[in-house]
Protein backbone atom coordinates (compact mmCIF):
# COMPACT_ATOMS: atom_id res chain seq x y z
CA MET A 1 67.59 129.97 80.31
CA ASN A 2 64.13 129.10 78.98
CA LEU A 3 63.64 132.54 77.42
CA LEU A 4 66.15 134.71 75.57
CA LEU A 5 65.46 138.01 77.30
CA PHE A 6 66.62 141.22 75.65
CA SER A 7 66.10 144.96 76.01
CA ALA A 8 65.71 147.89 73.64
CA ALA A 9 69.47 148.44 73.88
CA ASP A 10 70.03 145.11 72.07
CA ARG A 11 68.07 146.18 68.98
CA VAL A 12 70.16 146.91 65.89
CA GLY A 13 67.41 147.61 63.40
CA GLU A 14 63.80 146.85 62.70
CA GLY A 15 63.20 143.26 63.82
CA TYR A 16 66.81 142.40 64.78
CA ILE A 17 68.88 142.15 67.95
CA ALA A 18 72.62 141.62 68.44
CA LEU A 19 74.17 139.83 71.42
CA ASP A 20 77.80 139.79 72.55
CA ASP A 21 77.59 139.07 76.31
CA HIS A 22 76.78 136.08 78.52
CA ARG A 23 73.72 135.33 76.38
CA LEU A 24 75.98 134.75 73.38
CA GLN A 25 78.04 132.35 75.47
CA HIS A 26 74.85 130.53 76.45
CA LEU A 27 73.82 130.23 72.80
CA LEU A 28 77.23 128.88 71.84
CA HIS A 29 78.19 126.62 74.71
CA VAL A 30 74.91 125.53 76.31
CA LEU A 31 72.38 125.50 73.48
CA GLY A 32 74.86 124.89 70.67
CA ALA A 33 72.81 127.25 68.52
CA GLY A 34 73.53 127.65 64.83
CA VAL A 35 72.28 129.70 61.91
CA GLY A 36 68.60 129.01 61.30
CA ASP A 37 67.80 127.83 64.81
CA THR A 38 64.69 129.29 66.43
CA LEU A 39 64.61 130.26 70.10
CA ARG A 40 61.95 131.56 72.47
CA ALA A 41 62.57 135.25 73.08
CA GLY A 42 61.04 138.21 74.84
CA GLU A 43 61.69 141.92 75.27
CA LEU A 44 62.10 143.16 78.83
CA ASP A 45 58.78 144.75 79.91
CA GLY A 46 57.32 143.85 76.52
CA ALA A 47 56.00 141.05 74.34
CA MET A 48 57.30 137.53 73.73
CA GLY A 49 57.77 135.43 70.63
CA SER A 50 60.62 133.88 68.67
CA ALA A 51 64.16 134.72 67.58
CA VAL A 52 65.85 133.11 64.57
CA VAL A 53 69.65 133.00 64.51
CA ARG A 54 70.84 134.72 61.31
CA GLU A 55 74.54 135.07 62.16
CA ILE A 56 76.61 133.67 65.01
CA SER A 57 80.31 133.70 65.87
CA PRO A 58 82.42 133.74 69.05
CA ARG A 59 82.13 137.54 69.01
CA ARG A 60 78.49 138.22 68.14
CA ALA A 61 75.10 136.78 67.32
CA LEU A 62 72.49 138.44 65.12
CA LEU A 63 68.91 137.28 65.58
CA GLN A 64 65.68 138.15 63.80
CA ILE A 65 62.81 138.56 66.24
CA GLU A 66 59.05 138.24 65.93
CA LEU A 67 57.08 139.19 69.02
CA ASN A 68 53.40 138.27 69.03
CA GLN A 69 52.61 136.95 72.52
CA ALA A 70 51.72 138.69 75.77
CA PRO A 71 53.72 137.75 78.88
CA PRO A 72 51.99 135.44 81.38
CA PRO A 73 49.60 137.05 83.88
CA LYS A 74 50.81 138.02 87.35
CA LEU A 75 49.40 136.80 90.64
CA PRO A 76 46.89 139.16 92.31
CA LEU A 77 49.36 139.66 95.14
CA GLU A 78 51.23 142.33 97.08
CA LEU A 79 54.09 140.60 98.93
CA VAL A 80 55.83 141.97 102.03
CA LEU A 81 58.96 140.19 103.26
CA ALA A 82 61.18 140.94 106.21
CA LEU A 83 64.60 141.37 104.60
CA PRO A 84 66.31 137.93 104.51
CA ARG A 85 70.04 137.37 104.76
CA PRO A 86 71.72 138.11 101.40
CA LYS A 87 72.28 134.49 100.36
CA MET A 88 68.61 133.69 100.87
CA LEU A 89 67.48 136.99 99.34
CA ARG A 90 69.23 136.09 96.10
CA ARG A 91 67.25 132.87 95.84
CA MET A 92 63.99 134.49 96.89
CA LEU A 93 64.25 137.26 94.31
CA ARG A 94 64.53 134.62 91.60
CA THR A 95 61.61 132.71 93.10
CA VAL A 96 59.41 135.81 93.33
CA ALA A 97 60.03 136.55 89.66
CA GLU A 98 59.44 132.91 88.66
CA LEU A 99 56.12 132.71 90.48
CA GLY A 100 54.74 135.91 88.97
CA VAL A 101 54.62 138.17 92.02
CA PRO A 102 54.05 141.71 90.69
CA ARG A 103 55.19 143.77 93.70
CA LEU A 104 57.61 143.03 96.54
CA HIS A 105 58.22 145.13 99.65
CA LEU A 106 61.36 144.37 101.70
CA VAL A 107 60.91 145.61 105.26
CA ASN A 108 62.87 145.86 108.45
CA SER A 109 62.21 143.89 111.63
CA TYR A 110 63.80 143.50 115.05
CA ARG A 111 65.26 140.16 113.92
CA VAL A 112 66.69 141.55 110.66
CA GLU A 113 70.41 142.19 111.12
CA LYS A 114 71.40 145.76 110.30
CA SER A 115 74.23 144.52 108.09
CA TYR A 116 71.71 143.01 105.66
CA TRP A 117 70.71 146.51 104.54
CA GLY A 118 74.26 147.16 103.42
CA SER A 119 74.33 144.19 101.07
CA PRO A 120 75.41 144.98 97.49
CA LEU A 121 72.51 142.77 96.43
CA LEU A 122 70.13 145.64 97.22
CA GLN A 123 71.72 147.85 94.57
CA PRO A 124 69.39 148.29 91.56
CA HIS A 125 71.67 146.46 89.11
CA ALA A 126 72.10 143.45 91.40
CA LEU A 127 68.37 143.27 92.13
CA HIS A 128 67.64 143.39 88.42
CA GLN A 129 70.07 140.56 87.66
CA CYS A 130 68.45 138.24 90.20
CA LEU A 131 64.95 139.07 89.00
CA ARG A 132 66.02 138.61 85.41
CA GLN A 133 67.19 135.07 86.12
CA GLY A 134 63.73 134.29 87.45
CA LEU A 135 62.10 135.77 84.35
CA GLU A 136 64.33 133.71 82.06
CA GLN A 137 63.42 130.55 83.96
CA ALA A 138 59.66 131.19 83.97
CA ARG A 139 59.40 132.66 80.44
CA ASP A 140 58.23 136.07 81.53
CA THR A 141 59.33 139.57 80.57
CA VAL A 142 57.95 141.80 83.34
CA ALA A 143 60.00 141.91 86.55
CA PRO A 144 58.42 142.50 89.96
CA GLN A 145 58.59 146.01 91.35
CA VAL A 146 60.79 146.01 94.47
CA ARG A 147 60.68 148.63 97.23
CA CYS A 148 62.84 148.73 100.35
CA HIS A 149 61.55 150.03 103.69
CA ARG A 150 64.34 150.39 106.25
CA LEU A 151 62.06 151.56 109.08
CA PHE A 152 59.37 149.15 110.32
CA LYS A 153 57.05 151.51 112.20
CA PRO A 154 56.67 154.19 109.48
CA PHE A 155 55.95 151.49 106.91
CA VAL A 156 53.30 149.81 109.06
CA GLU A 157 51.63 153.03 110.16
CA ASP A 158 51.91 155.15 107.01
CA GLU A 159 51.85 152.73 104.08
CA LEU A 160 50.49 149.35 105.13
CA PRO A 161 46.87 150.43 105.80
CA ALA A 162 46.56 151.64 102.21
CA LEU A 163 48.16 148.45 100.89
CA ALA A 164 45.81 146.30 102.96
CA GLY A 165 42.67 148.28 102.13
CA GLY A 166 40.21 146.58 99.81
CA ARG A 167 41.98 143.23 99.75
CA ARG A 168 42.53 140.20 101.93
CA ALA A 169 45.57 140.90 104.13
CA LEU A 170 47.35 137.91 105.66
CA LEU A 171 50.28 137.72 108.08
CA ALA A 172 51.88 134.26 108.09
CA HIS A 173 53.28 133.68 111.57
CA PRO A 174 54.14 130.56 113.61
CA GLY A 175 51.83 129.88 116.52
CA ASP A 176 48.29 128.93 117.46
CA TYR A 177 46.44 130.88 114.78
CA PRO A 178 43.77 129.96 112.20
CA ALA A 179 45.06 127.96 109.26
CA CYS A 180 46.13 129.80 106.15
CA PRO A 181 43.20 129.71 103.70
CA ARG A 182 43.27 127.77 100.44
CA GLY A 183 42.19 128.72 96.95
CA VAL A 184 41.70 132.41 97.67
CA CYS A 185 42.60 133.57 94.16
CA GLY A 186 41.42 137.15 94.84
CA ASP A 187 43.51 140.24 95.45
CA THR A 188 45.74 139.50 98.45
CA LEU A 189 48.39 141.13 100.62
CA LEU A 190 50.77 138.58 102.15
CA ILE A 191 53.32 139.35 104.87
CA ILE A 192 56.08 136.92 105.87
CA GLY A 193 58.48 137.70 108.69
CA PRO A 194 62.15 136.90 109.27
CA GLU A 195 63.59 133.58 110.43
CA GLY A 196 61.99 133.08 113.85
CA GLY A 197 59.05 135.33 112.97
CA PHE A 198 58.14 138.86 113.95
CA ILE A 199 58.36 139.81 117.63
CA PRO A 200 55.01 140.26 119.49
CA TYR A 201 55.12 144.06 119.19
CA GLU A 202 55.47 143.77 115.41
CA VAL A 203 52.68 141.20 115.16
CA ASP A 204 50.38 143.54 117.10
CA LYS A 205 51.25 146.50 114.86
CA LEU A 206 50.61 144.47 111.71
CA ALA A 207 47.29 143.20 113.05
CA ALA A 208 46.28 146.75 113.97
CA ALA A 209 46.98 147.78 110.37
CA GLY A 210 44.39 145.30 109.14
CA CYS A 211 46.24 141.99 108.77
CA THR A 212 44.78 138.63 109.77
CA VAL A 213 47.36 136.36 111.42
CA VAL A 214 47.40 132.84 109.98
CA SER A 215 49.50 129.72 110.51
CA LEU A 216 50.92 127.01 108.27
CA GLY A 217 50.73 124.43 111.04
CA PRO A 218 53.14 123.09 113.66
CA ARG A 219 56.20 122.90 111.42
CA ILE A 220 58.63 125.82 111.38
CA LEU A 221 59.64 126.48 107.77
CA ARG A 222 62.45 128.45 106.26
CA VAL A 223 61.19 131.72 104.80
CA GLU A 224 61.78 130.60 101.21
CA ASN A 225 59.85 127.36 101.80
CA ALA A 226 57.07 129.21 103.60
CA LEU A 227 56.67 131.52 100.61
CA THR A 228 56.24 128.77 98.04
CA SER A 229 53.99 126.78 100.38
CA ILE A 230 51.68 129.72 101.02
CA LEU A 231 51.43 130.77 97.39
CA GLY A 232 50.61 127.17 96.47
CA ARG A 233 47.76 127.20 98.98
CA LEU A 234 46.42 130.62 98.04
CA PHE A 235 46.58 130.41 94.27
């Protein structure tokens, strides 16, 4: 935890917060925090700054906060991912939050198992917890917006053209395609398929919606590795 992240519900008065959950345990048993110690802190969806420990016990910590910094800027990116298996999704949600992706769309695909859509991880509270871990790691306070699209064709035909309009739209897909560009930096839509890639029908539909198909080379990467590799090239 590189940032003590709190919400309005933790406030107990002007300039103070009180903690009695896992964050208290982290202060006690990981950081060994004591009265007078200063920590980096930030309010969820708000500003960042510092928190000074004024009281701490096994039951509660009282901290005085001063928020005077803006959160770090987001990438100019709209990210579309075919829904990964739950274990990988957990890691990727943290990664997306760490890297500063502002918006994430989870979509269906022929190679996405139907059972994935029933994962408890897609419940709002579980999504928030994974994203929050990424924010705490990266020292950010603003979580990515996450939308789920259970039907591939309606998403591609009804929503994707508007998302792709006015920005560079890239579909990362294994095969003999032009290399993924480097140092784009401008507003970008990036689509990454499931393990094994999208099927040809899906690739054609995505291309028809305005996406340029690009390749990362001859190596076949796991989705999570492909994501970090592509973002490193683009930004």
